[in-house]
Structure formats: C-alpha cells, structure tokens
Amino acid sequence: YGLVPKADGTGLELACPPAIEASIYLGSTGSNIYDLAATIDVPVVVLRAKPRGPDTGMTDFAASPTWEHVAASFPNGRDVPLPHLTHFIPMQEPELTARFIAGAEP
C-alpha cells in the first residue's frame, strides 16, 4: 500500500506525500533510541544501503542515512550492508526484504 499509480499513468509513486513523510522524520528528532536498543533482546537485522559520503545532502536517499553501527546497539543485532541498493531497499528488492522478514536469509 506504499505505492499508487502516477497521475500521468507512467508508473507508480509513493503514496505518502513528501511533506507528511518529512514531518515524520522531523517529529522524531530529539529521541534517543540507543539506550532503549540495549534492552531489546530479540534478533534485529539492519539492512543498510551504501553509506553516505561527505558531500551527500541530508535529503539525498540514494545512500543510507542509517548509522553504520546501529545494529551493534542491539544485544542480538546484525548489520547487513547492501551497497548496491539505496535507502529504498524494500521497494527495490521486495523479495530480498521479505526473505529477511521471514528469517529465510542467513
């Protein structure tokens, strides 16, 4: 349900308007999840796109905004770098994402 047909009929676009998605990110500023992450003992897998470079803008999601050590914040965390993908991993490779959710990926 994350995609809707484009108005011009040429494909699909995100269903969430950019301003609303931005407000979700802005609403989470000031939250520190790292103290809470240490209390989560279930397996956590972080799928991470190629890292951002020094010249990457904050709104450029061709690279990952995810901190490269976030998985290590969880007692049972695992980092999975996917440098061939962008921040939109589930949209680019939904089958791969589904396999990780189902626990079928090693």
PDB file of N, CA and C in Angstrom:
ATOM      1  N   TYR A   1       0.802  -1.199   0.000  1.00  0.00           N
ATOM      2  CA  TYR A   1       0.000   0.000   0.000  1.00  0.00           C
ATOM      3  C   TYR A   1       0.850   1.271   0.000  1.00  0.00           C
ATOM      4  N   GLY A   2       2.144   1.131  -0.196  1.00  0.00           N
ATOM      5  CA  GLY A   2       3.026   2.285  -0.166  1.00  0.00           C
ATOM      6  C   GLY A   2       3.140   2.998  -1.497  1.00  0.00           C
ATOM      7  N   LEU A   3       2.581   2.393  -2.552  1.00  0.00           N
ATOM      8  CA  LEU A   3       2.667   2.990  -3.891  1.00  0.00           C
ATOM      9  C   LEU A   3       1.279   3.175  -4.485  1.00  0.00           C
ATOM     10  N   VAL A   4       1.161   4.211  -5.304  1.00  0.00           N
ATOM     11  CA  VAL A   4      -0.087   4.471  -6.024  1.00  0.00           C
ATOM     12  C   VAL A   4       0.268   4.789  -7.480  1.00  0.00           C
ATOM     13  N   PRO A   5      -0.670   4.592  -8.409  1.00  0.00           N
ATOM     14  CA  PRO A   5      -0.387   4.928  -9.805  1.00  0.00           C
ATOM     15  C   PRO A   5      -0.103   6.425  -9.957  1.00  0.00           C
ATOM     16  N   LYS A   6       0.895   6.742 -10.783  1.00  0.00           N
ATOM     17  CA  LYS A   6       1.203   8.149 -11.058  1.00  0.00           C
ATOM     18  C   LYS A   6       0.057   8.763 -11.853  1.00  0.00           C
ATOM     19  N   ALA A   7      -0.172  10.034 -11.649  1.00  0.00           N
ATOM     20  CA  ALA A   7      -1.271  10.736 -12.318  1.00  0.00           C
ATOM     21  C   ALA A   7      -1.145  10.678 -13.830  1.00  0.00           C
ATOM     22  N   ASP A   8       0.101  10.659 -14.346  1.00  0.00           N
ATOM     23  CA  ASP A   8       0.280  10.643 -15.798  1.00  0.00           C
ATOM     24  C   ASP A   8       0.246   9.228 -16.378  1.00  0.00           C
ATOM     25  N   GLY A   9       0.036   8.218 -15.509  1.00  0.00           N
ATOM     26  CA  GLY A   9      -0.097   6.841 -15.973  1.00  0.00           C
ATOM     27  C   GLY A   9       1.206   6.161 -16.338  1.00  0.00           C
ATOM     28  N   THR A  10       2.351   6.750 -15.996  1.00  0.00           N
ATOM     29  CA  THR A  10       3.638   6.186 -16.408  1.00  0.00           C
ATOM     30  C   THR A  10       4.269   5.240 -15.396  1.00  0.00           C
ATOM     31  N   GLY A  11       3.589   4.913 -14.358  1.00  0.00           N
ATOM     32  CA  GLY A  11       4.162   4.012 -13.355  1.00  0.00           C
ATOM     33  C   GLY A  11       3.572   4.277 -11.995  1.00  0.00           C
ATOM     34  N   LEU A  12       4.414   4.136 -10.980  1.00  0.00           N
ATOM     35  CA  LEU A  12       3.963   4.287  -9.604  1.00  0.00           C
ATOM     36  C   LEU A  12       4.768   5.363  -8.889  1.00  0.00           C
ATOM     37  N   GLU A  13       4.191   5.875  -7.798  1.00  0.00           N
ATOM     38  CA  GLU A  13       4.895   6.818  -6.950  1.00  0.00           C
ATOM     39  C   GLU A  13       4.521   6.527  -5.505  1.00  0.00           C
ATOM     40  N   LEU A  14       5.285   7.073  -4.566  1.00  0.00           N
ATOM     41  CA  LEU A  14       4.991   6.853  -3.154  1.00  0.00           C
ATOM     42  C   LEU A  14       3.620   7.411  -2.803  1.00  0.00           C
ATOM     43  N   ALA A  15       2.871   6.667  -2.021  1.00  0.00           N
ATOM     44  CA  ALA A  15       1.541   7.105  -1.621  1.00  0.00           C
ATOM     45  C   ALA A  15       1.603   8.210  -0.579  1.00  0.00           C
ATOM     46  N   CYS A  16       2.635   8.208   0.235  1.00  0.00           N
ATOM     47  CA  CYS A  16       2.771   9.213   1.288  1.00  0.00           C
ATOM     48  C   CYS A  16       3.314  10.509   0.685  1.00  0.00           C
ATOM     49  N   PRO A  17       2.585  11.602   0.803  1.00  0.00           N
ATOM     50  CA  PRO A  17       3.092  12.872   0.276  1.00  0.00           C
ATOM     51  C   PRO A  17       4.416  13.237   0.946  1.00  0.00           C
ATOM     52  N   PRO A  18       5.367  13.776   0.189  1.00  0.00           N
ATOM     53  CA  PRO A  18       6.684  14.097   0.750  1.00  0.00           C
ATOM     54  C   PRO A  18       6.637  14.960   2.010  1.00  0.00           C
ATOM     55  N   ALA A  19       5.731  15.916   2.084  1.00  0.00           N
ATOM     56  CA  ALA A  19       5.660  16.784   3.268  1.00  0.00           C
ATOM     57  C   ALA A  19       5.275  15.994   4.515  1.00  0.00           C
ATOM     58  N   ILE A  20       4.399  15.004   4.352  1.00  0.00           N
ATOM     59  CA  ILE A  20       3.993  14.187   5.505  1.00  0.00           C
ATOM     60  C   ILE A  20       5.139  13.275   5.932  1.00  0.00           C
ATOM     61  N   GLU A  21       5.810  12.667   4.958  1.00  0.00           N
ATOM     62  CA  GLU A  21       6.949  11.815   5.307  1.00  0.00           C
ATOM     63  C   GLU A  21       8.021  12.637   6.020  1.00  0.00           C
ATOM     64  N   ALA A  22       8.283  13.834   5.530  1.00  0.00           N
ATOM     65  CA  ALA A  22       9.277  14.699   6.180  1.00  0.00           C
ATOM     66  C   ALA A  22       8.865  15.027   7.606  1.00  0.00           C
ATOM     67  N   SER A  23       7.573  15.246   7.834  1.00  0.00           N
ATOM     68  CA  SER A  23       7.118  15.581   9.188  1.00  0.00           C
ATOM     69  C   SER A  23       7.325  14.414  10.144  1.00  0.00           C
ATOM     70  N   ILE A  24       7.265  13.184   9.632  1.00  0.00           N
ATOM     71  CA  ILE A  24       7.515  12.015  10.472  1.00  0.00           C
ATOM     72  C   ILE A  24       8.970  12.031  10.946  1.00  0.00           C
ATOM     73  N   TYR A  25       9.892  12.309  10.025  1.00  0.00           N
ATOM     74  CA  TYR A  25      11.304  12.377  10.398  1.00  0.00           C
ATOM     75  C   TYR A  25      11.551  13.533  11.358  1.00  0.00           C
ATOM     76  N   LEU A  26      10.962  14.676  11.090  1.00  0.00           N
ATOM     77  CA  LEU A  26      11.161  15.839  11.960  1.00  0.00           C
ATOM     78  C   LEU A  26      10.584  15.601  13.350  1.00  0.00           C
ATOM     79  N   GLY A  27       9.493  14.851  13.417  1.00  0.00           N
ATOM     80  CA  GLY A  27       8.866  14.572  14.700  1.00  0.00           C
ATOM     81  C   GLY A  27       9.675  13.633  15.572  1.00  0.00           C
ATOM     82  N   SER A  28      10.650  12.953  14.989  1.00  0.00           N
ATOM     83  CA  SER A  28      11.447  12.019  15.779  1.00  0.00           C
ATOM     84  C   SER A  28      12.774  12.617  16.227  1.00  0.00           C
ATOM     85  N   THR A  29      13.041  13.852  15.882  1.00  0.00           N
ATOM     86  CA  THR A  29      14.286  14.463  16.333  1.00  0.00           C
ATOM     87  C   THR A  29      14.240  14.644  17.840  1.00  0.00           C
ATOM     88  N   GLY A  30      15.363  14.514  18.452  1.00  0.00           N
ATOM     89  CA  GLY A  30      15.427  14.650  19.903  1.00  0.00           C
ATOM     90  C   GLY A  30      15.169  13.344  20.633  1.00  0.00           C
ATOM     91  N   SER A  31      14.798  12.295  19.917  1.00  0.00           N
ATOM     92  CA  SER A  31      14.592  10.987  20.542  1.00  0.00           C
ATOM     93  C   SER A  31      15.906  10.218  20.505  1.00  0.00           C
ATOM     94  N   ASN A  32      16.274   9.632  21.626  1.00  0.00           N
ATOM     95  CA  ASN A  32      17.488   8.840  21.676  1.00  0.00           C
ATOM     96  C   ASN A  32      17.091   7.377  21.860  1.00  0.00           C
ATOM     97  N   ILE A  33      17.165   6.627  20.772  1.00  0.00           N
ATOM     98  CA  ILE A  33      16.746   5.226  20.832  1.00  0.00           C
ATOM     99  C   ILE A  33      17.852   4.292  21.318  1.00  0.00           C
ATOM    100  N   TYR A  34      19.071   4.781  21.398  1.00  0.00           N
ATOM    101  CA  TYR A  34      20.189   3.888  21.671  1.00  0.00           C
ATOM    102  C   TYR A  34      20.137   3.288  23.076  1.00  0.00           C
ATOM    103  N   ASP A  35      19.673   4.042  24.061  1.00  0.00           N
ATOM    104  CA  ASP A  35      19.521   3.464  25.396  1.00  0.00           C
ATOM    105  C   ASP A  35      18.466   2.362  25.383  1.00  0.00           C
ATOM    106  N   LEU A  36      17.391   2.576  24.644  1.00  0.00           N
ATOM    107  CA  LEU A  36      16.337   1.562  24.556  1.00  0.00           C
ATOM    108  C   LEU A  36      16.786   0.349  23.749  1.00  0.00           C
ATOM    109  N   ALA A  37      17.607   0.562  22.728  1.00  0.00           N
ATOM    110  CA  ALA A  37      18.061  -0.544  21.879  1.00  0.00           C
ATOM    111  C   ALA A  37      18.771  -1.609  22.706  1.00  0.00           C
ATOM    112  N   ALA A  38      19.510  -1.199  23.706  1.00  0.00           N
ATOM    113  CA  ALA A  38      20.247  -2.144  24.543  1.00  0.00           C
ATOM    114  C   ALA A  38      19.332  -3.072  25.329  1.00  0.00           C
ATOM    115  N   THR A  39      18.051  -2.725  25.445  1.00  0.00           N
ATOM    116  CA  THR A  39      17.106  -3.552  26.204  1.00  0.00           C
ATOM    117  C   THR A  39      16.325  -4.524  25.326  1.00  0.00           C
ATOM    118  N   ILE A  40      16.522  -4.475  24.033  1.00  0.00           N
ATOM    119  CA  ILE A  40      15.771  -5.331  23.102  1.00  0.00           C
ATOM    120  C   ILE A  40      16.602  -6.578  22.829  1.00  0.00           C
ATOM    121  N   ASP A  41      16.123  -7.724  23.294  1.00  0.00           N
ATOM    122  CA  ASP A  41      16.941  -8.931  23.171  1.00  0.00           C
ATOM    123  C   ASP A  41      16.508  -9.881  22.060  1.00  0.00           C
ATOM    124  N   VAL A  42      15.517  -9.507  21.275  1.00  0.00           N
ATOM    125  CA  VAL A  42      15.147 -10.334  20.124  1.00  0.00           C
ATOM    126  C   VAL A  42      16.122 -10.038  18.984  1.00  0.00           C
ATOM    127  N   PRO A  43      16.274 -10.964  18.033  1.00  0.00           N
ATOM    128  CA  PRO A  43      17.166 -10.697  16.910  1.00  0.00           C
ATOM    129  C   PRO A  43      16.710  -9.475  16.104  1.00  0.00           C
ATOM    130  N   VAL A  44      17.653  -8.624  15.773  1.00  0.00           N
ATOM    131  CA  VAL A  44      17.402  -7.422  14.982  1.00  0.00           C
ATOM    132  C   VAL A  44      18.360  -7.437  13.798  1.00  0.00           C
ATOM    133  N   VAL A  45      17.799  -7.311  12.602  1.00  0.00           N
ATOM    134  CA  VAL A  45      18.615  -7.258  11.393  1.00  0.00           C
ATOM    135  C   VAL A  45      18.440  -5.879  10.772  1.00  0.00           C
ATOM    136  N   VAL A  46      19.543  -5.196  10.541  1.00  0.00           N
ATOM    137  CA  VAL A  46      19.521  -3.869   9.936  1.00  0.00           C
ATOM    138  C   VAL A  46      20.039  -3.998   8.511  1.00  0.00           C
ATOM    139  N   LEU A  47      19.139  -3.796   7.541  1.00  0.00           N
ATOM    140  CA  LEU A  47      19.535  -3.785   6.135  1.00  0.00           C
ATOM    141  C   LEU A  47      19.954  -2.353   5.818  1.00  0.00           C
ATOM    142  N   ARG A  48      21.172  -2.189   5.337  1.00  0.00           N
ATOM    143  CA  ARG A  48      21.717  -0.851   5.166  1.00  0.00           C
ATOM    144  C   ARG A  48      22.286  -0.669   3.775  1.00  0.00           C
ATOM    145  N   ALA A  49      21.862   0.403   3.117  1.00  0.00           N
ATOM    146  CA  ALA A  49      22.353   0.740   1.776  1.00  0.00           C
ATOM    147  C   ALA A  49      23.780   1.277   1.865  1.00  0.00           C
ATOM    148  N   LYS A  50      24.326   1.616   0.709  1.00  0.00           N
ATOM    149  CA  LYS A  50      25.684   2.174   0.701  1.00  0.00           C
ATOM    150  C   LYS A  50      25.724   3.400   1.617  1.00  0.00           C
ATOM    151  N   PRO A  51      26.854   3.627   2.278  1.00  0.00           N
ATOM    152  CA  PRO A  51      26.934   4.760   3.203  1.00  0.00           C
ATOM    153  C   PRO A  51      26.963   6.095   2.473  1.00  0.00           C
ATOM    154  N   ARG A  52      26.545   7.114   3.181  1.00  0.00           N
ATOM    155  CA  ARG A  52      26.602   8.471   2.641  1.00  0.00           C
ATOM    156  C   ARG A  52      28.049   8.939   2.605  1.00  0.00           C
ATOM    157  N   GLY A  53      28.362   9.731   1.596  1.00  0.00           N
ATOM    158  CA  GLY A  53      29.681  10.337   1.503  1.00  0.00           C
ATOM    159  C   GLY A  53      29.671  11.708   2.143  1.00  0.00           C
ATOM    160  N   PRO A  54      30.829  12.329   2.242  1.00  0.00           N
ATOM    161  CA  PRO A  54      30.904  13.642   2.886  1.00  0.00           C
ATOM    162  C   PRO A  54      30.128  14.733   2.145  1.00  0.00           C
ATOM    163  N   ASP A  55      29.885  14.545   0.859  1.00  0.00           N
ATOM    164  CA  ASP A  55      29.169  15.551   0.079  1.00  0.00           C
ATOM    165  C   ASP A  55      27.694  15.216  -0.115  1.00  0.00           C
ATOM    166  N   THR A  56      27.213  14.151   0.530  1.00  0.00           N
ATOM    167  CA  THR A  56      25.815  13.737   0.390  1.00  0.00           C
ATOM    168  C   THR A  56      24.914  14.687   1.171  1.00  0.00           C
ATOM    169  N   GLY A  57      23.891  15.203   0.502  1.00  0.00           N
ATOM    170  CA  GLY A  57      22.933  16.077   1.173  1.00  0.00           C
ATOM    171  C   GLY A  57      22.009  15.296   2.086  1.00  0.00           C
ATOM    172  N   MET A  58      21.433  15.972   3.067  1.00  0.00           N
ATOM    173  CA  MET A  58      20.553  15.316   4.036  1.00  0.00           C
ATOM    174  C   MET A  58      19.282  14.757   3.396  1.00  0.00           C
ATOM    175  N   THR A  59      18.880  15.284   2.254  1.00  0.00           N
ATOM    176  CA  THR A  59      17.655  14.794   1.622  1.00  0.00           C
ATOM    177  C   THR A  59      17.947  13.858   0.454  1.00  0.00           C
ATOM    178  N   ASP A  60      19.205  13.461   0.288  1.00  0.00           N
ATOM    179  CA  ASP A  60      19.589  12.536  -0.779  1.00  0.00           C
ATOM    180  C   ASP A  60      19.551  11.119  -0.224  1.00  0.00           C
ATOM    181  N   PHE A  61      18.553  10.346  -0.636  1.00  0.00           N
ATOM    182  CA  PHE A  61      18.400   8.996  -0.115  1.00  0.00           C
ATOM    183  C   PHE A  61      18.939   7.928  -1.072  1.00  0.00           C
ATOM    184  N   ALA A  62      19.821   8.326  -1.998  1.00  0.00           N
ATOM    185  CA  ALA A  62      20.493   7.337  -2.826  1.00  0.00           C
ATOM    186  C   ALA A  62      21.461   6.528  -1.967  1.00  0.00           C
ATOM    187  N   ALA A  63      21.881   7.102  -0.853  1.00  0.00           N
ATOM    188  CA  ALA A  63      22.738   6.415   0.107  1.00  0.00           C
ATOM    189  C   ALA A  63      21.981   6.313   1.427  1.00  0.00           C
ATOM    190  N   SER A  64      22.525   5.538   2.348  1.00  0.00           N
ATOM    191  CA  SER A  64      21.829   5.271   3.603  1.00  0.00           C
ATOM    192  C   SER A  64      22.071   6.350   4.644  1.00  0.00           C
ATOM    193  N   PRO A  65      20.987   6.845   5.266  1.00  0.00           N
ATOM    194  CA  PRO A  65      21.168   7.755   6.397  1.00  0.00           C
ATOM    195  C   PRO A  65      21.392   6.990   7.704  1.00  0.00           C
ATOM    196  N   THR A  66      21.373   5.659   7.646  1.00  0.00           N
ATOM    197  CA  THR A  66      21.477   4.839   8.847  1.00  0.00           C
ATOM    198  C   THR A  66      22.927   4.752   9.321  1.00  0.00           C
ATOM    199  N   TRP A  67      23.128   5.022  10.613  1.00  0.00           N
ATOM    200  CA  TRP A  67      24.448   4.929  11.223  1.00  0.00           C
ATOM    201  C   TRP A  67      24.980   3.514  11.045  1.00  0.00           C
ATOM    202  N   GLU A  68      26.213   3.384  10.618  1.00  0.00           N
ATOM    203  CA  GLU A  68      26.762   2.068  10.298  1.00  0.00           C
ATOM    204  C   GLU A  68      26.909   1.147  11.513  1.00  0.00           C
ATOM    205  N   HIS A  69      26.842   1.686  12.721  1.00  0.00           N
ATOM    206  CA  HIS A  69      26.991   0.867  13.921  1.00  0.00           C
ATOM    207  C   HIS A  69      25.677   0.660  14.666  1.00  0.00           C
ATOM    208  N   VAL A  70      24.553   1.001  14.036  1.00  0.00           N
ATOM    209  CA  VAL A  70      23.268   0.896  14.743  1.00  0.00           C
ATOM    210  C   VAL A  70      22.965  -0.547  15.157  1.00  0.00           C
ATOM    211  N   ALA A  71      23.289  -1.525  14.327  1.00  0.00           N
ATOM    212  CA  ALA A  71      22.996  -2.921  14.676  1.00  0.00           C
ATOM    213  C   ALA A  71      23.739  -3.345  15.938  1.00  0.00           C
ATOM    214  N   ALA A  72      24.920  -2.807  16.145  1.00  0.00           N
ATOM    215  CA  ALA A  72      25.706  -3.148  17.327  1.00  0.00           C
ATOM    216  C   ALA A  72      25.088  -2.580  18.604  1.00  0.00           C
ATOM    217  N   SER A  73      24.125  -1.682  18.477  1.00  0.00           N
ATOM    218  CA  SER A  73      23.433  -1.129  19.647  1.00  0.00           C
ATOM    219  C   SER A  73      22.472  -2.141  20.271  1.00  0.00           C
ATOM    220  N   PHE A  74      22.112  -3.159  19.511  1.00  0.00           N
ATOM    221  CA  PHE A  74      21.199  -4.198  19.982  1.00  0.00           C
ATOM    222  C   PHE A  74      22.015  -5.411  20.450  1.00  0.00           C
ATOM    223  N   PRO A  75      21.638  -6.037  21.566  1.00  0.00           N
ATOM    224  CA  PRO A  75      22.381  -7.207  22.043  1.00  0.00           C
ATOM    225  C   PRO A  75      22.452  -8.328  21.016  1.00  0.00           C
ATOM    226  N   ASN A  76      21.424  -8.459  20.187  1.00  0.00           N
ATOM    227  CA  ASN A  76      21.374  -9.525  19.197  1.00  0.00           C
ATOM    228  C   ASN A  76      21.166  -8.908  17.811  1.00  0.00           C
ATOM    229  N   GLY A  77      21.948  -7.866  17.528  1.00  0.00           N
ATOM    230  CA  GLY A  77      21.807  -7.153  16.257  1.00  0.00           C
ATOM    231  C   GLY A  77      22.784  -7.627  15.206  1.00  0.00           C
ATOM    232  N   ARG A  78      22.362  -7.498  13.964  1.00  0.00           N
ATOM    233  CA  ARG A  78      23.221  -7.891  12.836  1.00  0.00           C
ATOM    234  C   ARG A  78      23.102  -6.840  11.745  1.00  0.00           C
ATOM    235  N   ASP A  79      24.227  -6.392  11.248  1.00  0.00           N
ATOM    236  CA  ASP A  79      24.291  -5.409  10.179  1.00  0.00           C
ATOM    237  C   ASP A  79      24.442  -6.130   8.845  1.00  0.00           C
ATOM    238  N   VAL A  80      23.605  -5.776   7.873  1.00  0.00           N
ATOM    239  CA  VAL A  80      23.692  -6.361   6.537  1.00  0.00           C
ATOM    240  C   VAL A  80      23.886  -5.226   5.538  1.00  0.00           C
ATOM    241  N   PRO A  81      25.137  -4.959   5.140  1.00  0.00           N
ATOM    242  CA  PRO A  81      25.377  -3.918   4.145  1.00  0.00           C
ATOM    243  C   PRO A  81      24.909  -4.381   2.759  1.00  0.00           C
ATOM    244  N   LEU A  82      24.181  -3.524   2.085  1.00  0.00           N
ATOM    245  CA  LEU A  82      23.701  -3.795   0.723  1.00  0.00           C
ATOM    246  C   LEU A  82      24.094  -2.597  -0.149  1.00  0.00           C
ATOM    247  N   PRO A  83      25.393  -2.461  -0.457  1.00  0.00           N
ATOM    248  CA  PRO A  83      25.893  -1.261  -1.126  1.00  0.00           C
ATOM    249  C   PRO A  83      25.364  -1.051  -2.539  1.00  0.00           C
ATOM    250  N   HIS A  84      24.736  -2.050  -3.123  1.00  0.00           N
ATOM    251  CA  HIS A  84      24.179  -1.889  -4.473  1.00  0.00           C
ATOM    252  C   HIS A  84      22.779  -1.280  -4.444  1.00  0.00           C
ATOM    253  N   LEU A  85      22.246  -1.045  -3.235  1.00  0.00           N
ATOM    254  CA  LEU A  85      20.890  -0.510  -3.104  1.00  0.00           C
ATOM    255  C   LEU A  85      20.903   0.882  -2.477  1.00  0.00           C
ATOM    256  N   THR A  86      19.740   1.537  -2.498  1.00  0.00           N
ATOM    257  CA  THR A  86      19.582   2.852  -1.893  1.00  0.00           C
ATOM    258  C   THR A  86      18.778   2.716  -0.606  1.00  0.00           C
ATOM    259  N   HIS A  87      18.414   3.831  -0.016  1.00  0.00           N
ATOM    260  CA  HIS A  87      17.584   3.871   1.193  1.00  0.00           C
ATOM    261  C   HIS A  87      16.250   3.138   0.983  1.00  0.00           C
ATOM    262  N   PHE A  88      15.838   2.970  -0.234  1.00  0.00           N
ATOM    263  CA  PHE A  88      14.537   2.374  -0.546  1.00  0.00           C
ATOM    264  C   PHE A  88      14.644   0.866  -0.804  1.00  0.00           C
ATOM    265  N   ILE A  89      15.381   0.178   0.028  1.00  0.00           N
ATOM    266  CA  ILE A  89      15.637  -1.258  -0.125  1.00  0.00           C
ATOM    267  C   ILE A  89      14.349  -2.059  -0.318  1.00  0.00           C
ATOM    268  N   PRO A  90      13.306  -1.885   0.502  1.00  0.00           N
ATOM    269  CA  PRO A  90      12.097  -2.704   0.326  1.00  0.00           C
ATOM    270  C   PRO A  90      11.416  -2.488  -1.020  1.00  0.00           C
ATOM    271  N   MET A  91      11.532  -1.287  -1.577  1.00  0.00           N
ATOM    272  CA  MET A  91      10.915  -1.032  -2.867  1.00  0.00           C
ATOM    273  C   MET A  91      11.783  -1.562  -4.014  1.00  0.00           C
ATOM    274  N   GLN A  92      13.090  -1.557  -3.821  1.00  0.00           N
ATOM    275  CA  GLN A  92      13.990  -2.029  -4.865  1.00  0.00           C
ATOM    276  C   GLN A  92      14.063  -3.547  -4.927  1.00  0.00           C
ATOM    277  N   GLU A  93      14.117  -4.181  -3.781  1.00  0.00           N
ATOM    278  CA  GLU A  93      14.223  -5.646  -3.741  1.00  0.00           C
ATOM    279  C   GLU A  93      13.238  -6.213  -2.713  1.00  0.00           C
ATOM    280  N   PRO A  94      11.944  -6.166  -3.041  1.00  0.00           N
ATOM    281  CA  PRO A  94      10.939  -6.646  -2.077  1.00  0.00           C
ATOM    282  C   PRO A  94      11.092  -8.123  -1.727  1.00  0.00           C
ATOM    283  N   GLU A  95      11.542  -8.934  -2.684  1.00  0.00           N
ATOM    284  CA  GLU A  95      11.700 -10.362  -2.392  1.00  0.00           C
ATOM    285  C   GLU A  95      12.806 -10.578  -1.363  1.00  0.00           C
ATOM    286  N   LEU A  96      13.914  -9.870  -1.515  1.00  0.00           N
ATOM    287  CA  LEU A  96      15.015  -9.975  -0.557  1.00  0.00           C
ATOM    288  C   LEU A  96      14.545  -9.517   0.821  1.00  0.00           C
ATOM    289  N   THR A  97      13.849  -8.401   0.863  1.00  0.00           N
ATOM    290  CA  THR A  97      13.329  -7.875   2.125  1.00  0.00           C
ATOM    291  C   THR A  97      12.395  -8.891   2.780  1.00  0.00           C
ATOM    292  N   ALA A  98      11.524  -9.493   1.994  1.00  0.00           N
ATOM    293  CA  ALA A  98      10.583 -10.494   2.525  1.00  0.00           C
ATOM    294  C   ALA A  98      11.324 -11.702   3.088  1.00  0.00           C
ATOM    295  N   ARG A  99      12.397 -12.110   2.427  1.00  0.00           N
ATOM    296  CA  ARG A  99      13.165 -13.255   2.933  1.00  0.00           C
ATOM    297  C   ARG A  99      13.791 -12.931   4.293  1.00  0.00           C
ATOM    298  N   PHE A 100      14.273 -11.715   4.464  1.00  0.00           N
ATOM    299  CA  PHE A 100      14.820 -11.337   5.760  1.00  0.00           C
ATOM    300  C   PHE A 100      13.723 -11.299   6.819  1.00  0.00           C
ATOM    301  N   ILE A 101      12.568 -10.755   6.493  1.00  0.00           N
ATOM    302  CA  ILE A 101      11.456 -10.699   7.446  1.00  0.00           C
ATOM    303  C   ILE A 101      11.029 -12.112   7.850  1.00  0.00           C
ATOM    304  N   ALA A 102      11.019 -13.015   6.897  1.00  0.00           N
ATOM    305  CA  ALA A 102      10.611 -14.400   7.162  1.00  0.00           C
ATOM    306  C   ALA A 102      11.713 -15.217   7.849  1.00  0.00           C
ATOM    307  N   GLY A 103      12.894 -14.633   7.959  1.00  0.00           N
ATOM    308  CA  GLY A 103      14.009 -15.338   8.575  1.00  0.00           C
ATOM    309  C   GLY A 103      14.674 -16.345   7.670  1.00  0.00           C
ATOM    310  N   ALA A 104      14.427 -16.234   6.372  1.00  0.00           N
ATOM    311  CA  ALA A 104      14.979 -17.187   5.420  1.00  0.00           C
ATOM    312  C   ALA A 104      16.381 -16.816   4.937  1.00  0.00           C
ATOM    313  N   GLU A 105      16.832 -15.600   5.218  1.00  0.00           N
ATOM    314  CA  GLU A 105      18.178 -15.190   4.819  1.00  0.00           C
ATOM    315  C   GLU A 105      19.152 -15.511   5.946  1.00  0.00           C
ATOM    316  N   PRO A 106      20.317 -16.002   5.585  1.00  0.00           N
ATOM    317  CA  PRO A 106      21.313 -16.365   6.629  1.00  0.00           C
ATOM    318  C   PRO A 106      21.863 -15.148   7.354  1.00  0.00           C
TER     319      PRO A 106
END
